[in-house]
Amino acid sequence: MLLDHDSSSDIAVAVPSLLRDAVYARLREEILGCRLTPGEELREQELAARFDVSKQPVREALLRLEQERLITVLPRQGYRVNPVSLADARDIFRFREVMEPACAADAARTAADAALKALDAFREFDSGKMDFIKYNRAFHVAVAMCSPHRRMREEVANLVAQADRLVLVSIGAIEGRDPDRLIAEHAAIIDALQARNGRQAARLLRDHIADAEKRVVAALTRHAVIL
């Protein structure tokens, strides 16, 4: 069946949007996963060839990444993946120390029992299924997703992903990390949430994030290129 004019127009608009979103998601993932390293230069033409698209969706994706402060525009040159600094690290973790406990407090008060019960999946860590960084990210995002506030949930997911980049940038970021102790802290947070004790859950989560900040900042100070 032939498409009518309006349907054809909708598809014409949707296809570039899908390309842009796909390029954006891929580049963002590679920046946060440090497959595109801090300081690395990016060029529209090279990225367009790599993704087999025109330069327009690449340009739009790069502008979105600039708005997230993940890249910088270099006039008449291209773009550069933003380096990591101690100021970035402190800003990200301090923001997390505000947002995540607030999500936990809301979750303890309003989340469905089934949503809080599902957090039991994070009481153990299976190194055969995923690395610890992915497990840790999934835990923090899962807690945030129990909050009823969409904007807060989305912001926490973004902050946690950016914090993972800080860990990956630094060679020594895993030093001082005791997975068993951190998993026990996760379990205590889950206990507080399932007991509907929002104040306790928020306090435990805030302390948990503050300890992570100390480890990451110390590791960045020892090993990362800091501007």
Protein backbone atom coordinates (compact mmCIF):
# COMPACT_ATOMS: atom_id res chain seq x y z
CA MET A 1 0.00 0.00 0.00
CA LEU A 2 1.37 3.44 -0.93
CA LEU A 3 1.89 5.94 1.86
CA ASP A 4 -0.14 9.12 1.75
CA HIS A 5 1.64 12.48 1.66
CA ASP A 6 1.42 13.11 5.40
CA SER A 7 2.81 9.66 6.27
CA SER A 8 5.71 10.12 3.86
CA SER A 9 6.52 13.46 5.46
CA ASP A 10 6.50 11.93 8.92
CA ILE A 11 8.95 9.23 7.83
CA ALA A 12 11.21 11.80 6.17
CA VAL A 13 11.41 13.66 9.47
CA ALA A 14 11.83 10.52 11.57
CA VAL A 15 14.73 8.95 9.67
CA PRO A 16 17.23 11.82 10.23
CA SER A 17 16.12 11.98 13.86
CA LEU A 18 16.79 8.26 14.34
CA LEU A 19 20.22 8.59 12.72
CA ARG A 20 21.10 11.53 14.93
CA ASP A 21 19.98 9.75 18.07
CA ALA A 22 21.88 6.59 17.13
CA VAL A 23 25.10 8.50 16.43
CA TYR A 24 24.68 10.49 19.66
CA ALA A 25 24.10 7.37 21.75
CA ARG A 26 27.12 5.60 20.26
CA LEU A 27 29.49 8.55 20.70
CA ARG A 28 28.26 9.21 24.23
CA GLU A 29 28.79 5.57 25.18
CA GLU A 30 32.30 5.62 23.75
CA ILE A 31 33.21 8.84 25.57
CA LEU A 32 31.86 7.66 28.92
CA GLY A 33 33.50 4.27 28.43
CA CYS A 34 36.80 5.97 27.52
CA ARG A 35 36.98 4.27 24.13
CA LEU A 36 37.19 7.86 22.94
CA THR A 37 39.84 9.14 25.32
CA PRO A 38 39.98 12.52 27.08
CA GLY A 39 41.67 15.03 24.79
CA GLU A 40 41.02 13.01 21.62
CA GLU A 41 40.06 15.12 18.59
CA LEU A 42 36.95 14.32 16.55
CA ARG A 43 36.07 15.43 13.02
CA GLU A 44 32.65 15.41 11.43
CA GLN A 45 33.79 13.98 8.11
CA GLU A 46 35.65 11.08 9.71
CA LEU A 47 32.74 10.25 12.00
CA ALA A 48 30.26 10.47 9.14
CA ALA A 49 32.35 7.98 7.15
CA ARG A 50 32.69 5.71 10.14
CA PHE A 51 28.93 5.61 10.83
CA ASP A 52 28.05 5.70 7.11
CA VAL A 53 25.81 8.76 7.47
CA SER A 54 25.87 12.35 6.25
CA LYS A 55 27.59 15.03 8.31
CA GLN A 56 24.29 16.54 9.49
CA PRO A 57 23.30 13.86 12.07
CA VAL A 58 26.93 13.77 13.24
CA ARG A 59 26.98 17.54 13.71
CA GLU A 60 23.71 17.48 15.65
CA ALA A 61 24.93 14.63 17.85
CA LEU A 62 28.17 16.48 18.59
CA LEU A 63 26.29 19.63 19.55
CA ARG A 64 24.24 17.61 22.05
CA LEU A 65 27.43 16.21 23.53
CA GLU A 66 28.83 19.73 23.78
CA GLN A 67 25.75 20.77 25.75
CA GLU A 68 26.50 17.92 28.16
CA ARG A 69 30.07 19.25 28.46
CA LEU A 70 31.51 15.99 27.18
CA ILE A 71 33.19 17.63 24.18
CA THR A 72 34.44 21.08 23.18
CA VAL A 73 34.13 22.74 19.77
CA LEU A 74 37.49 23.70 18.28
CA PRO A 75 36.90 26.61 15.85
CA ARG A 76 37.86 25.65 12.27
CA GLN A 77 39.34 22.36 13.54
CA GLY A 78 36.64 20.07 14.81
CA TYR A 79 35.85 18.84 18.30
CA ARG A 80 37.76 17.48 21.28
CA VAL A 81 36.69 15.06 24.00
CA ASN A 82 36.86 17.03 27.21
CA PRO A 83 39.60 16.01 29.62
CA VAL A 84 38.82 15.08 33.22
CA SER A 85 39.65 17.44 36.05
CA LEU A 86 39.44 17.30 39.82
CA ALA A 87 36.84 20.05 39.66
CA ASP A 88 34.68 17.85 37.38
CA ALA A 89 35.05 14.92 39.75
CA ARG A 90 34.06 16.93 42.81
CA ASP A 91 31.11 18.56 41.02
CA ILE A 92 29.75 15.22 39.82
CA PHE A 93 30.05 13.49 43.17
CA ARG A 94 28.67 16.43 45.16
CA PHE A 95 25.68 16.54 42.83
CA ARG A 96 25.21 12.81 43.30
CA GLU A 97 25.34 13.27 47.08
CA VAL A 98 22.29 15.53 46.77
CA MET A 99 20.29 13.79 44.06
CA GLU A 100 20.66 10.10 44.92
CA PRO A 101 19.70 10.32 48.62
CA ALA A 102 16.68 12.42 47.61
CA CYS A 103 15.62 9.71 45.15
CA ALA A 104 16.10 7.05 47.84
CA ALA A 105 14.01 8.96 50.38
CA ASP A 106 11.21 9.34 47.83
CA ALA A 107 11.49 5.68 46.85
CA ALA A 108 11.15 4.51 50.46
CA ARG A 109 7.97 6.52 50.76
CA THR A 110 6.25 5.89 47.43
CA ALA A 111 7.75 2.94 45.48
CA ALA A 112 5.74 -0.21 44.96
CA ASP A 113 6.75 -3.21 47.07
CA ALA A 114 7.65 -5.12 43.91
CA ALA A 115 10.05 -2.38 42.77
CA LEU A 116 11.89 -2.43 46.10
CA LYS A 117 11.90 -6.23 46.15
CA ALA A 118 13.57 -6.25 42.73
CA LEU A 119 16.61 -4.54 44.30
CA ASP A 120 17.46 -7.90 45.90
CA ALA A 121 19.20 -8.71 42.60
CA PHE A 122 22.02 -6.38 43.73
CA ARG A 123 22.71 -8.12 47.04
CA GLU A 124 25.30 -10.26 45.23
CA PHE A 125 27.83 -9.59 42.47
CA ASP A 126 28.60 -12.17 39.81
CA SER A 127 31.92 -11.31 38.16
CA GLY A 128 31.17 -13.87 35.44
CA LYS A 129 28.23 -11.82 34.15
CA MET A 130 29.53 -8.24 34.27
CA ASP A 131 32.40 -6.17 35.58
CA PHE A 132 32.07 -4.37 38.90
CA ILE A 133 31.74 -0.91 37.38
CA LYS A 134 28.68 -2.00 35.37
CA TYR A 135 27.19 -3.75 38.39
CA ASN A 136 27.72 -0.67 40.54
CA ARG A 137 26.19 1.63 37.93
CA ALA A 138 23.18 -0.66 37.55
CA PHE A 139 22.60 -0.63 41.33
CA HIS A 140 22.67 3.16 41.66
CA VAL A 141 20.43 3.64 38.63
CA ALA A 142 18.00 0.97 39.88
CA VAL A 143 17.62 2.77 43.22
CA ALA A 144 17.03 6.08 41.46
CA MET A 145 14.44 4.48 39.17
CA CYS A 146 12.33 3.69 42.23
CA SER A 147 11.79 7.43 42.69
CA PRO A 148 8.54 8.84 41.26
CA HIS A 149 10.32 11.89 39.78
CA ARG A 150 11.37 11.37 36.15
CA ARG A 151 13.79 14.31 35.87
CA MET A 152 15.62 13.26 39.02
CA ARG A 153 15.85 9.66 37.79
CA GLU A 154 17.29 10.73 34.46
CA GLU A 155 19.78 13.12 36.03
CA VAL A 156 21.06 10.44 38.40
CA ALA A 157 21.54 7.99 35.52
CA ASN A 158 23.58 10.63 33.68
CA LEU A 159 25.67 11.51 36.75
CA VAL A 160 26.46 7.87 37.52
CA ALA A 161 27.59 7.29 33.92
CA GLN A 162 29.84 10.35 34.07
CA ALA A 163 31.28 9.19 37.38
CA ASP A 164 32.17 5.86 35.76
CA ARG A 165 34.23 7.77 33.20
CA LEU A 166 36.22 9.30 36.06
CA VAL A 167 36.97 5.82 37.35
CA LEU A 168 38.00 4.51 33.94
CA VAL A 169 40.24 7.50 33.16
CA SER A 170 42.42 6.82 36.17
CA ILE A 171 44.73 3.80 36.10
CA GLY A 172 44.58 3.48 39.86
CA ALA A 173 40.86 3.98 40.35
CA ILE A 174 40.29 0.40 41.51
CA GLU A 175 42.94 0.66 44.20
CA GLY A 176 41.40 0.67 47.65
CA ARG A 177 38.17 -0.82 46.32
CA ASP A 178 36.85 -3.73 48.35
CA PRO A 179 33.97 -5.26 46.36
CA ASP A 180 32.69 -7.30 49.30
CA ARG A 181 32.47 -4.22 51.51
CA LEU A 182 30.74 -2.19 48.80
CA ILE A 183 28.25 -4.97 48.11
CA ALA A 184 27.50 -5.10 51.85
CA GLU A 185 26.85 -1.35 51.75
CA HIS A 186 24.46 -1.88 48.85
CA ALA A 187 22.65 -4.55 50.86
CA ALA A 188 22.28 -2.19 53.83
CA ILE A 189 20.78 0.48 51.56
CA ILE A 190 18.36 -2.11 50.15
CA ASP A 191 17.39 -3.18 53.68
CA ALA A 192 16.59 0.43 54.61
CA LEU A 193 14.53 0.97 51.46
CA GLN A 194 12.54 -2.24 51.93
CA ALA A 195 11.90 -1.26 55.55
CA ARG A 196 10.53 2.06 54.23
CA ASN A 197 13.13 3.95 56.25
CA GLY A 198 13.87 6.80 53.87
CA ARG A 199 16.06 8.74 56.28
CA GLN A 200 18.32 5.74 56.87
CA ALA A 201 18.49 4.87 53.17
CA ALA A 202 19.40 8.45 52.26
CA ARG A 203 22.10 8.63 54.95
CA LEU A 204 23.67 5.32 53.93
CA LEU A 205 23.64 6.26 50.26
CA ARG A 206 25.15 9.69 50.93
CA ASP A 207 27.99 8.13 52.96
CA HIS A 208 28.50 5.47 50.26
CA ILE A 209 28.88 8.12 47.53
CA ALA A 210 31.14 10.31 49.69
CA ASP A 211 33.50 7.36 50.19
CA ALA A 212 33.53 6.75 46.43
CA GLU A 213 34.41 10.41 45.86
CA LYS A 214 37.41 10.11 48.16
CA ARG A 215 38.70 7.04 46.32
CA VAL A 216 38.22 8.48 42.84
CA VAL A 217 39.69 11.89 43.66
CA ALA A 218 42.70 10.24 45.28
CA ALA A 219 43.18 8.01 42.23
CA LEU A 220 42.84 10.93 39.82
CA THR A 221 45.38 12.89 41.83
CA ARG A 222 47.87 10.02 41.55
CA HIS A 223 47.33 8.93 37.98
CA ALA A 224 45.10 11.04 35.75
CA VAL A 225 45.97 13.97 33.55
CA ILE A 226 44.37 16.83 35.42
CA LEU A 227 43.74 20.32 34.02
